[in-house]
Amino acid sequence: MIAHVGDRIVVKGKHVGDGSRGGVITQLRHEDGTPPYEVQWDDGHTGLIFPGPETHLEAGRASAVS
């Protein structure tokens, strides 16, 4: 998984009834865009994530191709 600052990260729930969790990548720890990522979650919390298979990225404005 390769990400850019400003990309949206979405983590699907692992159990029946779990919702998805989303946030925006605010910082990369590696210049090549590989994990881990610093994320500002929609609920206001900030955290470090090593994304798993239940995770996907949505390109942010900074990395979108015009």
PDB file of N, CA and C in Angstrom:
ATOM      1  N   MET A   1       0.854  -1.169   0.000  1.00  0.00           N
ATOM      2  CA  MET A   1       0.000   0.000   0.000  1.00  0.00           C
ATOM      3  C   MET A   1       0.897   1.228   0.000  1.00  0.00           C
ATOM      4  N   ILE A   2       0.654   2.124  -0.953  1.00  0.00           N
ATOM      5  CA  ILE A   2       1.399   3.367  -1.062  1.00  0.00           C
ATOM      6  C   ILE A   2       0.412   4.519  -0.872  1.00  0.00           C
ATOM      7  N   ALA A   3       0.713   5.422   0.058  1.00  0.00           N
ATOM      8  CA  ALA A   3      -0.191   6.528   0.374  1.00  0.00           C
ATOM      9  C   ALA A   3       0.528   7.865   0.240  1.00  0.00           C
ATOM     10  N   HIS A   4      -0.269   8.914   0.244  1.00  0.00           N
ATOM     11  CA  HIS A   4       0.213  10.290   0.208  1.00  0.00           C
ATOM     12  C   HIS A   4      -0.507  11.073   1.301  1.00  0.00           C
ATOM     13  N   VAL A   5       0.140  12.108   1.800  1.00  0.00           N
ATOM     14  CA  VAL A   5      -0.521  12.983   2.762  1.00  0.00           C
ATOM     15  C   VAL A   5      -1.774  13.546   2.094  1.00  0.00           C
ATOM     16  N   GLY A   6      -2.885  13.505   2.802  1.00  0.00           N
ATOM     17  CA  GLY A   6      -4.158  13.980   2.272  1.00  0.00           C
ATOM     18  C   GLY A   6      -5.058  12.869   1.772  1.00  0.00           C
ATOM     19  N   ASP A   7      -4.512  11.655   1.586  1.00  0.00           N
ATOM     20  CA  ASP A   7      -5.346  10.512   1.197  1.00  0.00           C
ATOM     21  C   ASP A   7      -6.269  10.146   2.351  1.00  0.00           C
ATOM     22  N   ARG A   8      -7.429   9.644   2.005  1.00  0.00           N
ATOM     23  CA  ARG A   8      -8.375   9.157   3.012  1.00  0.00           C
ATOM     24  C   ARG A   8      -8.156   7.660   3.180  1.00  0.00           C
ATOM     25  N   ILE A   9      -8.112   7.209   4.423  1.00  0.00           N
ATOM     26  CA  ILE A   9      -7.941   5.791   4.724  1.00  0.00           C
ATOM     27  C   ILE A   9      -9.220   5.298   5.392  1.00  0.00           C
ATOM     28  N   VAL A  10      -9.703   4.150   4.954  1.00  0.00           N
ATOM     29  CA  VAL A  10     -10.942   3.573   5.475  1.00  0.00           C
ATOM     30  C   VAL A  10     -10.649   2.155   5.939  1.00  0.00           C
ATOM     31  N   VAL A  11     -11.042   1.856   7.168  1.00  0.00           N
ATOM     32  CA  VAL A  11     -10.867   0.525   7.747  1.00  0.00           C
ATOM     33  C   VAL A  11     -12.260  -0.069   7.951  1.00  0.00           C
ATOM     34  N   LYS A  12     -12.538  -1.166   7.269  1.00  0.00           N
ATOM     35  CA  LYS A  12     -13.837  -1.842   7.413  1.00  0.00           C
ATOM     36  C   LYS A  12     -13.874  -2.586   8.739  1.00  0.00           C
ATOM     37  N   GLY A  13     -15.075  -2.695   9.324  1.00  0.00           N
ATOM     38  CA  GLY A  13     -15.238  -3.443  10.560  1.00  0.00           C
ATOM     39  C   GLY A  13     -14.912  -4.915  10.360  1.00  0.00           C
ATOM     40  N   LYS A  14     -14.395  -5.551  11.400  1.00  0.00           N
ATOM     41  CA  LYS A  14     -13.985  -6.962  11.313  1.00  0.00           C
ATOM     42  C   LYS A  14     -15.108  -7.924  11.706  1.00  0.00           C
ATOM     43  N   HIS A  15     -16.098  -7.435  12.432  1.00  0.00           N
ATOM     44  CA  HIS A  15     -17.165  -8.298  12.935  1.00  0.00           C
ATOM     45  C   HIS A  15     -18.518  -7.833  12.405  1.00  0.00           C
ATOM     46  N   VAL A  16     -19.473  -8.735  12.379  1.00  0.00           N
ATOM     47  CA  VAL A  16     -20.828  -8.384  11.950  1.00  0.00           C
ATOM     48  C   VAL A  16     -21.338  -7.249  12.830  1.00  0.00           C
ATOM     49  N   GLY A  17     -21.849  -6.207  12.187  1.00  0.00           N
ATOM     50  CA  GLY A  17     -22.374  -5.067  12.918  1.00  0.00           C
ATOM     51  C   GLY A  17     -21.372  -3.950  13.148  1.00  0.00           C
ATOM     52  N   ASP A  18     -20.079  -4.233  12.943  1.00  0.00           N
ATOM     53  CA  ASP A  18     -19.067  -3.186  13.076  1.00  0.00           C
ATOM     54  C   ASP A  18     -19.150  -2.250  11.886  1.00  0.00           C
ATOM     55  N   GLY A  19     -19.049  -0.968  12.133  1.00  0.00           N
ATOM     56  CA  GLY A  19     -19.026   0.003  11.053  1.00  0.00           C
ATOM     57  C   GLY A  19     -17.614   0.213  10.535  1.00  0.00           C
ATOM     58  N   SER A  20     -17.497   1.067   9.555  1.00  0.00           N
ATOM     59  CA  SER A  20     -16.184   1.435   9.034  1.00  0.00           C
ATOM     60  C   SER A  20     -15.653   2.621   9.813  1.00  0.00           C
ATOM     61  N   ARG A  21     -14.333   2.768   9.800  1.00  0.00           N
ATOM     62  CA  ARG A  21     -13.670   3.888  10.453  1.00  0.00           C
ATOM     63  C   ARG A  21     -12.848   4.598   9.403  1.00  0.00           C
ATOM     64  N   GLY A  22     -12.916   5.921   9.366  1.00  0.00           N
ATOM     65  CA  GLY A  22     -12.181   6.655   8.353  1.00  0.00           C
ATOM     66  C   GLY A  22     -11.405   7.814   8.923  1.00  0.00           C
ATOM     67  N   GLY A  23     -10.418   8.251   8.145  1.00  0.00           N
ATOM     68  CA  GLY A  23      -9.620   9.393   8.536  1.00  0.00           C
ATOM     69  C   GLY A  23      -8.749   9.851   7.386  1.00  0.00           C
ATOM     70  N   VAL A  24      -7.963  10.880   7.632  1.00  0.00           N
ATOM     71  CA  VAL A  24      -7.086  11.451   6.621  1.00  0.00           C
ATOM     72  C   VAL A  24      -5.641  11.273   7.056  1.00  0.00           C
ATOM     73  N   ILE A  25      -4.804  10.840   6.118  1.00  0.00           N
ATOM     74  CA  ILE A  25      -3.381  10.662   6.409  1.00  0.00           C
ATOM     75  C   ILE A  25      -2.740  12.039   6.515  1.00  0.00           C
ATOM     76  N   THR A  26      -2.118  12.302   7.661  1.00  0.00           N
ATOM     77  CA  THR A  26      -1.511  13.601   7.916  1.00  0.00           C
ATOM     78  C   THR A  26       0.006  13.577   7.854  1.00  0.00           C
ATOM     79  N   GLN A  27       0.591  12.376   7.978  1.00  0.00           N
ATOM     80  CA  GLN A  27       2.048  12.289   7.965  1.00  0.00           C
ATOM     81  C   GLN A  27       2.480  10.908   7.526  1.00  0.00           C
ATOM     82  N   LEU A  28       3.542  10.867   6.727  1.00  0.00           N
ATOM     83  CA  LEU A  28       4.152   9.599   6.321  1.00  0.00           C
ATOM     84  C   LEU A  28       5.420   9.412   7.129  1.00  0.00           C
ATOM     85  N   ARG A  29       5.707   8.184   7.508  1.00  0.00           N
ATOM     86  CA  ARG A  29       6.940   7.883   8.233  1.00  0.00           C
ATOM     87  C   ARG A  29       8.070   7.507   7.276  1.00  0.00           C
ATOM     88  N   HIS A  30       7.706   7.161   6.022  1.00  0.00           N
ATOM     89  CA  HIS A  30       8.691   6.780   5.000  1.00  0.00           C
ATOM     90  C   HIS A  30       8.424   7.588   3.735  1.00  0.00           C
ATOM     91  N   GLU A  31       9.462   8.094   3.108  1.00  0.00           N
ATOM     92  CA  GLU A  31       9.324   8.921   1.909  1.00  0.00           C
ATOM     93  C   GLU A  31       8.681   8.182   0.740  1.00  0.00           C
ATOM     94  N   ASP A  32       8.783   6.842   0.711  1.00  0.00           N
ATOM     95  CA  ASP A  32       8.220   6.077  -0.407  1.00  0.00           C
ATOM     96  C   ASP A  32       6.722   5.804  -0.251  1.00  0.00           C
ATOM     97  N   GLY A  33       6.098   6.299   0.820  1.00  0.00           N
ATOM     98  CA  GLY A  33       4.658   6.160   0.998  1.00  0.00           C
ATOM     99  C   GLY A  33       4.200   4.858   1.617  1.00  0.00           C
ATOM    100  N   THR A  34       5.132   4.057   2.114  1.00  0.00           N
ATOM    101  CA  THR A  34       4.767   2.793   2.750  1.00  0.00           C
ATOM    102  C   THR A  34       4.414   3.020   4.226  1.00  0.00           C
ATOM    103  N   PRO A  35       3.661   2.096   4.818  1.00  0.00           N
ATOM    104  CA  PRO A  35       3.250   2.243   6.219  1.00  0.00           C
ATOM    105  C   PRO A  35       4.450   2.238   7.167  1.00  0.00           C
ATOM    106  N   PRO A  36       4.216   2.747   8.369  1.00  0.00           N
ATOM    107  CA  PRO A  36       2.963   3.186   8.996  1.00  0.00           C
ATOM    108  C   PRO A  36       2.606   4.616   8.595  1.00  0.00           C
ATOM    109  N   TYR A  37       1.341   4.991   8.891  1.00  0.00           N
ATOM    110  CA  TYR A  37       0.824   6.310   8.575  1.00  0.00           C
ATOM    111  C   TYR A  37       0.276   6.969   9.834  1.00  0.00           C
ATOM    112  N   GLU A  38       0.474   8.262   9.946  1.00  0.00           N
ATOM    113  CA  GLU A  38      -0.165   9.061  10.995  1.00  0.00           C
ATOM    114  C   GLU A  38      -1.516   9.502  10.433  1.00  0.00           C
ATOM    115  N   VAL A  39      -2.596   9.241  11.163  1.00  0.00           N
ATOM    116  CA  VAL A  39      -3.948   9.497  10.666  1.00  0.00           C
ATOM    117  C   VAL A  39      -4.723  10.366  11.649  1.00  0.00           C
ATOM    118  N   GLN A  40      -5.428  11.349  11.101  1.00  0.00           N
ATOM    119  CA  GLN A  40      -6.396  12.135  11.865  1.00  0.00           C
ATOM    120  C   GLN A  40      -7.750  11.491  11.603  1.00  0.00           C
ATOM    121  N   TRP A  41      -8.278  10.761  12.583  1.00  0.00           N
ATOM    122  CA  TRP A  41      -9.537  10.032  12.421  1.00  0.00           C
ATOM    123  C   TRP A  41     -10.714  10.987  12.446  1.00  0.00           C
ATOM    124  N   ASP A  42     -11.810  10.570  11.847  1.00  0.00           N
ATOM    125  CA  ASP A  42     -13.020  11.388  11.771  1.00  0.00           C
ATOM    126  C   ASP A  42     -13.544  11.786  13.150  1.00  0.00           C
ATOM    127  N   ASP A  43     -13.259  10.992  14.170  1.00  0.00           N
ATOM    128  CA  ASP A  43     -13.739  11.317  15.518  1.00  0.00           C
ATOM    129  C   ASP A  43     -12.823  12.309  16.239  1.00  0.00           C
ATOM    130  N   GLY A  44     -11.764  12.787  15.546  1.00  0.00           N
ATOM    131  CA  GLY A  44     -10.877  13.785  16.120  1.00  0.00           C
ATOM    132  C   GLY A  44      -9.586  13.246  16.690  1.00  0.00           C
ATOM    133  N   HIS A  45      -9.518  11.948  16.901  1.00  0.00           N
ATOM    134  CA  HIS A  45      -8.306  11.350  17.444  1.00  0.00           C
ATOM    135  C   HIS A  45      -7.229  11.232  16.360  1.00  0.00           C
ATOM    136  N   THR A  46      -5.983  11.222  16.800  1.00  0.00           N
ATOM    137  CA  THR A  46      -4.850  11.020  15.907  1.00  0.00           C
ATOM    138  C   THR A  46      -4.145   9.752  16.336  1.00  0.00           C
ATOM    139  N   GLY A  47      -3.700   8.954  15.359  1.00  0.00           N
ATOM    140  CA  GLY A  47      -3.007   7.726  15.698  1.00  0.00           C
ATOM    141  C   GLY A  47      -2.138   7.217  14.561  1.00  0.00           C
ATOM    142  N   LEU A  48      -1.330   6.251  14.885  1.00  0.00           N
ATOM    143  CA  LEU A  48      -0.440   5.596  13.940  1.00  0.00           C
ATOM    144  C   LEU A  48      -1.087   4.290  13.516  1.00  0.00           C
ATOM    145  N   ILE A  49      -1.077   3.996  12.207  1.00  0.00           N
ATOM    146  CA  ILE A  49      -1.701   2.776  11.720  1.00  0.00           C
ATOM    147  C   ILE A  49      -0.764   2.027  10.783  1.00  0.00           C
ATOM    148  N   PHE A  50      -0.733   0.727  10.958  1.00  0.00           N
ATOM    149  CA  PHE A  50      -0.133  -0.212  10.023  1.00  0.00           C
ATOM    150  C   PHE A  50      -1.316  -0.913   9.367  1.00  0.00           C
ATOM    151  N   PRO A  51      -1.742  -0.489   8.165  1.00  0.00           N
ATOM    152  CA  PRO A  51      -2.978  -1.000   7.577  1.00  0.00           C
ATOM    153  C   PRO A  51      -2.948  -2.499   7.288  1.00  0.00           C
ATOM    154  N   GLY A  52      -4.091  -3.133   7.521  1.00  0.00           N
ATOM    155  CA  GLY A  52      -4.259  -4.551   7.233  1.00  0.00           C
ATOM    156  C   GLY A  52      -5.103  -4.754   5.984  1.00  0.00           C
ATOM    157  N   PRO A  53      -5.493  -6.004   5.720  1.00  0.00           N
ATOM    158  CA  PRO A  53      -6.253  -6.317   4.506  1.00  0.00           C
ATOM    159  C   PRO A  53      -7.654  -5.719   4.470  1.00  0.00           C
ATOM    160  N   GLU A  54      -8.174  -5.294   5.607  1.00  0.00           N
ATOM    161  CA  GLU A  54      -9.515  -4.701   5.656  1.00  0.00           C
ATOM    162  C   GLU A  54      -9.476  -3.186   5.402  1.00  0.00           C
ATOM    163  N   THR A  55      -8.318  -2.681   4.986  1.00  0.00           N
ATOM    164  CA  THR A  55      -8.104  -1.252   4.805  1.00  0.00           C
ATOM    165  C   THR A  55      -7.953  -0.895   3.335  1.00  0.00           C
ATOM    166  N   HIS A  56      -8.523   0.252   2.936  1.00  0.00           N
ATOM    167  CA  HIS A  56      -8.277   0.757   1.578  1.00  0.00           C
ATOM    168  C   HIS A  56      -8.081   2.265   1.608  1.00  0.00           C
ATOM    169  N   LEU A  57      -7.484   2.782   0.554  1.00  0.00           N
ATOM    170  CA  LEU A  57      -7.210   4.209   0.425  1.00  0.00           C
ATOM    171  C   LEU A  57      -8.110   4.840  -0.617  1.00  0.00           C
ATOM    172  N   GLU A  58      -8.442   6.100  -0.396  1.00  0.00           N
ATOM    173  CA  GLU A  58      -9.142   6.917  -1.377  1.00  0.00           C
ATOM    174  C   GLU A  58      -8.259   8.132  -1.593  1.00  0.00           C
ATOM    175  N   ALA A  59      -7.880   8.374  -2.843  1.00  0.00           N
ATOM    176  CA  ALA A  59      -6.942   9.462  -3.146  1.00  0.00           C
ATOM    177  C   ALA A  59      -7.482  10.801  -2.683  1.00  0.00           C
ATOM    178  N   GLY A  60      -6.626  11.552  -2.007  1.00  0.00           N
ATOM    179  CA  GLY A  60      -6.959  12.907  -1.600  1.00  0.00           C
ATOM    180  C   GLY A  60      -6.618  13.887  -2.692  1.00  0.00           C
ATOM    181  N   ARG A  61      -6.924  15.146  -2.461  1.00  0.00           N
ATOM    182  CA  ARG A  61      -6.671  16.172  -3.469  1.00  0.00           C
ATOM    183  C   ARG A  61      -5.190  16.281  -3.796  1.00  0.00           C
ATOM    184  N   ALA A  62      -4.326  16.063  -2.806  1.00  0.00           N
ATOM    185  CA  ALA A  62      -2.895  16.215  -3.027  1.00  0.00           C
ATOM    186  C   ALA A  62      -2.341  15.164  -3.972  1.00  0.00           C
ATOM    187  N   SER A  63      -2.956  13.974  -4.010  1.00  0.00           N
ATOM    188  CA  SER A  63      -2.410  12.897  -4.830  1.00  0.00           C
ATOM    189  C   SER A  63      -3.287  12.553  -6.038  1.00  0.00           C
ATOM    190  N   ALA A  64      -4.434  13.240  -6.180  1.00  0.00           N
ATOM    191  CA  ALA A  64      -5.319  12.953  -7.300  1.00  0.00           C
ATOM    192  C   ALA A  64      -4.717  13.472  -8.601  1.00  0.00           C
ATOM    193  N   VAL A  65      -4.907  12.725  -9.664  1.00  0.00           N
ATOM    194  CA  VAL A  65      -4.395  13.107 -10.968  1.00  0.00           C
ATOM    195  C   VAL A  65      -5.472  13.893 -11.703  1.00  0.00           C
ATOM    196  N   SER A  66      -5.116  15.062 -12.227  1.00  0.00           N
ATOM    197  CA  SER A  66      -6.095  15.896 -12.943  1.00  0.00           C
ATOM    198  C   SER A  66      -6.141  15.528 -14.405  1.00  0.00           C
TER     199      SER A  66
END
